[in-house]
C-alpha atoms as a PDB file:
ATOM      1  CA  MET A   1      20.196 268.718-114.503  1.00  0.00           C
ATOM      2  CA  SER A   2      18.102 271.632-113.397  1.00  0.00           C
ATOM      3  CA  GLU A   3      17.066 272.154-109.640  1.00  0.00           C
ATOM      4  CA  GLY A   4      13.634 270.774-110.377  1.00  0.00           C
ATOM      5  CA  ASP A   5      15.128 267.387-111.817  1.00  0.00           C
ATOM      6  CA  ARG A   6      17.139 266.618-108.770  1.00  0.00           C
ATOM      7  CA  ASN A   7      15.656 263.901-106.572  1.00  0.00           C
ATOM      8  CA  GLY A   8      17.405 264.900-103.479  1.00  0.00           C
ATOM      9  CA  LEU A   9      19.634 261.551-103.279  1.00  0.00           C
ATOM     10  CA  LEU A  10      23.828 261.988-103.042  1.00  0.00           C
ATOM     11  CA  VAL A  11      26.604 259.589-103.127  1.00  0.00           C
ATOM     12  CA  ALA A  12      29.224 261.083-101.273  1.00  0.00           C
ATOM     13  CA  LEU A  13      33.108 259.977-101.364  1.00  0.00           C
ATOM     14  CA  CYS A  14      35.401 260.410 -98.432  1.00  0.00           C
ATOM     15  CA  THR A  15      39.067 258.777 -97.787  1.00  0.00           C
ATOM     16  CA  ILE A  16      40.193 258.074 -94.274  1.00  0.00           C
ATOM     17  CA  PRO A  17      43.110 256.079 -92.789  1.00  0.00           C
ATOM     18  CA  THR A  18      42.069 252.360 -93.066  1.00  0.00           C
ATOM     19  CA  ASP A  19      41.934 251.579 -89.306  1.00  0.00           C
ATOM     20  CA  ARG A  20      39.399 254.319 -88.504  1.00  0.00           C
ATOM     21  CA  ALA A  21      37.190 253.539 -91.642  1.00  0.00           C
ATOM     22  CA  ARG A  22      34.677 250.709 -90.326  1.00  0.00           C
ATOM     23  CA  ALA A  23      33.887 252.643 -86.986  1.00  0.00           C
ATOM     24  CA  PHE A  24      33.268 256.086 -89.001  1.00  0.00           C
ATOM     25  CA  ALA A  25      30.872 254.306 -91.630  1.00  0.00           C
ATOM     26  CA  ALA A  26      29.032 252.901 -88.700  1.00  0.00           C
ATOM     27  CA  SER A  27      28.774 256.215 -87.206  1.00  0.00           C
ATOM     28  CA  LEU A  28      27.555 257.693 -90.080  1.00  0.00           C
ATOM     29  CA  VAL A  29      24.715 255.269 -90.335  1.00  0.00           C
ATOM     30  CA  GLU A  30      24.067 255.146 -86.414  1.00  0.00           C
ATOM     31  CA  GLU A  31      23.504 258.832 -86.472  1.00  0.00           C
ATOM     32  CA  ARG A  32      21.150 258.808 -89.778  1.00  0.00           C
ATOM     33  CA  LEU A  33      23.741 260.847 -91.776  1.00  0.00           C
ATOM     34  CA  ALA A  34      23.855 258.049 -94.422  1.00  0.00           C
ATOM     35  CA  ALA A  35      21.507 255.138 -94.987  1.00  0.00           C
ATOM     36  CA  CYS A  36      24.579 252.721 -96.107  1.00  0.00           C
ATOM     37  CA  VAL A  37      28.478 253.318 -96.257  1.00  0.00           C
ATOM     38  CA  ASN A  38      30.334 251.187 -98.177  1.00  0.00           C
ATOM     39  CA  VAL A  39      33.943 250.857 -97.254  1.00  0.00           C
ATOM     40  CA  LEU A  40      36.241 249.686 -99.990  1.00  0.00           C
ATOM     41  CA  PRO A  41      39.265 247.594 -99.407  1.00  0.00           C
ATOM     42  CA  PRO A  42      42.685 249.543 -98.314  1.00  0.00           C
ATOM     43  CA  MET A  43      44.318 251.423-101.381  1.00  0.00           C
ATOM     44  CA  ARG A  44      47.115 253.825-102.153  1.00  0.00           C
ATOM     45  CA  SER A  45      46.336 257.612-102.238  1.00  0.00           C
ATOM     46  CA  ILE A  46      48.895 259.464-103.464  1.00  0.00           C
ATOM     47  CA  TYR A  47      48.578 263.291-103.443  1.00  0.00           C
ATOM     48  CA  ARG A  48      50.608 266.473-102.686  1.00  0.00           C
ATOM     49  CA  TRP A  49      50.123 268.214 -99.119  1.00  0.00           C
ATOM     50  CA  GLN A  50      52.096 271.014 -97.918  1.00  0.00           C
ATOM     51  CA  GLY A  51      54.508 271.126-100.655  1.00  0.00           C
ATOM     52  CA  ALA A  52      55.229 267.222-100.543  1.00  0.00           C
ATOM     53  CA  VAL A  53      54.341 264.162-102.189  1.00  0.00           C
ATOM     54  CA  VAL A  54      52.351 261.672 -99.818  1.00  0.00           C
ATOM     55  CA  ASP A  55      51.741 258.158-100.469  1.00  0.00           C
ATOM     56  CA  GLU A  56      49.796 256.311 -97.647  1.00  0.00           C
ATOM     57  CA  GLU A  57      47.216 253.499 -97.224  1.00  0.00           C
ATOM     58  CA  GLU A  58      43.454 254.666 -96.916  1.00  0.00           C
ATOM     59  CA  SER A  59      40.275 253.200 -97.380  1.00  0.00           C
ATOM     60  CA  GLN A  60      37.496 254.843 -99.625  1.00  0.00           C
ATOM     61  CA  LEU A  61      34.004 255.448 -98.031  1.00  0.00           C
ATOM     62  CA  VAL A  62      30.945 255.427-100.391  1.00  0.00           C
ATOM     63  CA  ILE A  63      28.230 257.224 -98.535  1.00  0.00           C
ATOM     64  CA  LYS A  64      24.574 257.305 -99.563  1.00  0.00           C
ATOM     65  CA  THR A  65      22.700 259.905 -98.409  1.00  0.00           C
ATOM     66  CA  THR A  66      20.492 263.025 -99.164  1.00  0.00           C
ATOM     67  CA  GLU A  67      20.642 266.567 -99.730  1.00  0.00           C
ATOM     68  CA  ALA A  68      18.701 267.254 -96.653  1.00  0.00           C
ATOM     69  CA  GLN A  69      21.514 265.803 -94.615  1.00  0.00           C
ATOM     70  CA  TRP A  70      24.664 267.201 -96.526  1.00  0.00           C
ATOM     71  CA  ASP A  71      25.318 269.974 -94.046  1.00  0.00           C
ATOM     72  CA  ALA A  72      25.019 267.762 -91.049  1.00  0.00           C
ATOM     73  CA  LEU A  73      27.151 265.026 -92.888  1.00  0.00           C
ATOM     74  CA  ALA A  74      29.887 267.784 -93.570  1.00  0.00           C
ATOM     75  CA  ARG A  75      29.923 269.041 -90.237  1.00  0.00           C
ATOM     76  CA  PHE A  76      30.163 265.710 -88.894  1.00  0.00           C
ATOM     77  CA  VAL A  77      33.102 264.669 -91.553  1.00  0.00           C
ATOM     78  CA  GLN A  78      34.640 268.305 -90.360  1.00  0.00           C
ATOM     79  CA  ASP A  79      34.726 267.754 -86.859  1.00  0.00           C
ATOM     80  CA  ARG A  80      35.261 263.958 -86.506  1.00  0.00           C
ATOM     81  CA  HIS A  81      37.553 263.025 -89.312  1.00  0.00           C
ATOM     82  CA  GLY A  82      40.815 264.119 -88.272  1.00  0.00           C
ATOM     83  CA  TYR A  83      42.658 265.215 -91.338  1.00  0.00           C
ATOM     84  CA  GLU A  84      43.064 268.920 -91.383  1.00  0.00           C
ATOM     85  CA  VAL A  85      41.346 268.885 -94.936  1.00  0.00           C
ATOM     86  CA  PRO A  86      39.151 266.089 -95.185  1.00  0.00           C
ATOM     87  CA  GLU A  87      37.839 264.642 -98.423  1.00  0.00           C
ATOM     88  CA  LEU A  88      34.231 264.922 -98.974  1.00  0.00           C
ATOM     89  CA  ILE A  89      32.523 265.190-102.255  1.00  0.00           C
ATOM     90  CA  ALA A  90      29.102 264.531-103.434  1.00  0.00           C
ATOM     91  CA  LEU A  91      27.679 263.474-106.753  1.00  0.00           C
ATOM     92  CA  ASP A  92      24.102 263.652-107.328  1.00  0.00           C
ATOM     93  CA  VAL A  93      22.117 260.936-108.156  1.00  0.00           C
ATOM     94  CA  SER A  94      19.986 261.129-111.521  1.00  0.00           C
ATOM     95  CA  ARG A  95      18.545 258.148-111.145  1.00  0.00           C
ATOM     96  CA  ALA A  96      17.444 254.970-108.708  1.00  0.00           C
ATOM     97  CA  LEU A  97      15.035 252.327-108.170  1.00  0.00           C
ATOM     98  CA  PRO A  98      11.898 253.785-106.550  1.00  0.00           C
ATOM     99  CA  GLY A  99      12.288 251.271-103.463  1.00  0.00           C
ATOM    100  CA  TYR A 100      15.728 252.062-103.050  1.00  0.00           C
ATOM    101  CA  ALA A 101      15.301 255.888-103.271  1.00  0.00           C
ATOM    102  CA  GLY A 102      12.455 255.560-100.540  1.00  0.00           C
ATOM    103  CA  TRP A 103      14.785 253.287 -98.286  1.00  0.00           C
ATOM    104  CA  LEU A 104      17.584 255.622 -98.123  1.00  0.00           C
ATOM    105  CA  ARG A 105      15.128 258.721 -97.552  1.00  0.00           C
ATOM    106  CA  GLU A 106      13.614 256.634 -94.695  1.00  0.00           C
ATOM    107  CA  GLN A 107      16.752 255.698 -93.074  1.00  0.00           C
ATOM    108  CA  THR A 108      18.349 259.067 -93.206  1.00  0.00           C
ATOM    109  CA  ARG A 109      15.137 260.879 -91.261  1.00  0.00           C
END
């Protein structure tokens, strides 16, 4: 996809301890960094950290946002998440219903 083809919408993924997920998601929406955040049920995350394999419960946040909010969203996560290296990755949205895309942009202004 070329730069000119991008519509500016992102779906960002962020894992977070389950006990903090709802409040963190609400803050993202309240700050207009996201139009909507889905908090998925608790899951097991297994990963290597500082030489050890870690197995812990986390929730996945599915964050609907825009390119225009990416830098502010990244700063918010870095400052308030709590992990030394929080997960925050974004996927470009190549297609969306026009009404939903407009709503998403309006909610993140």
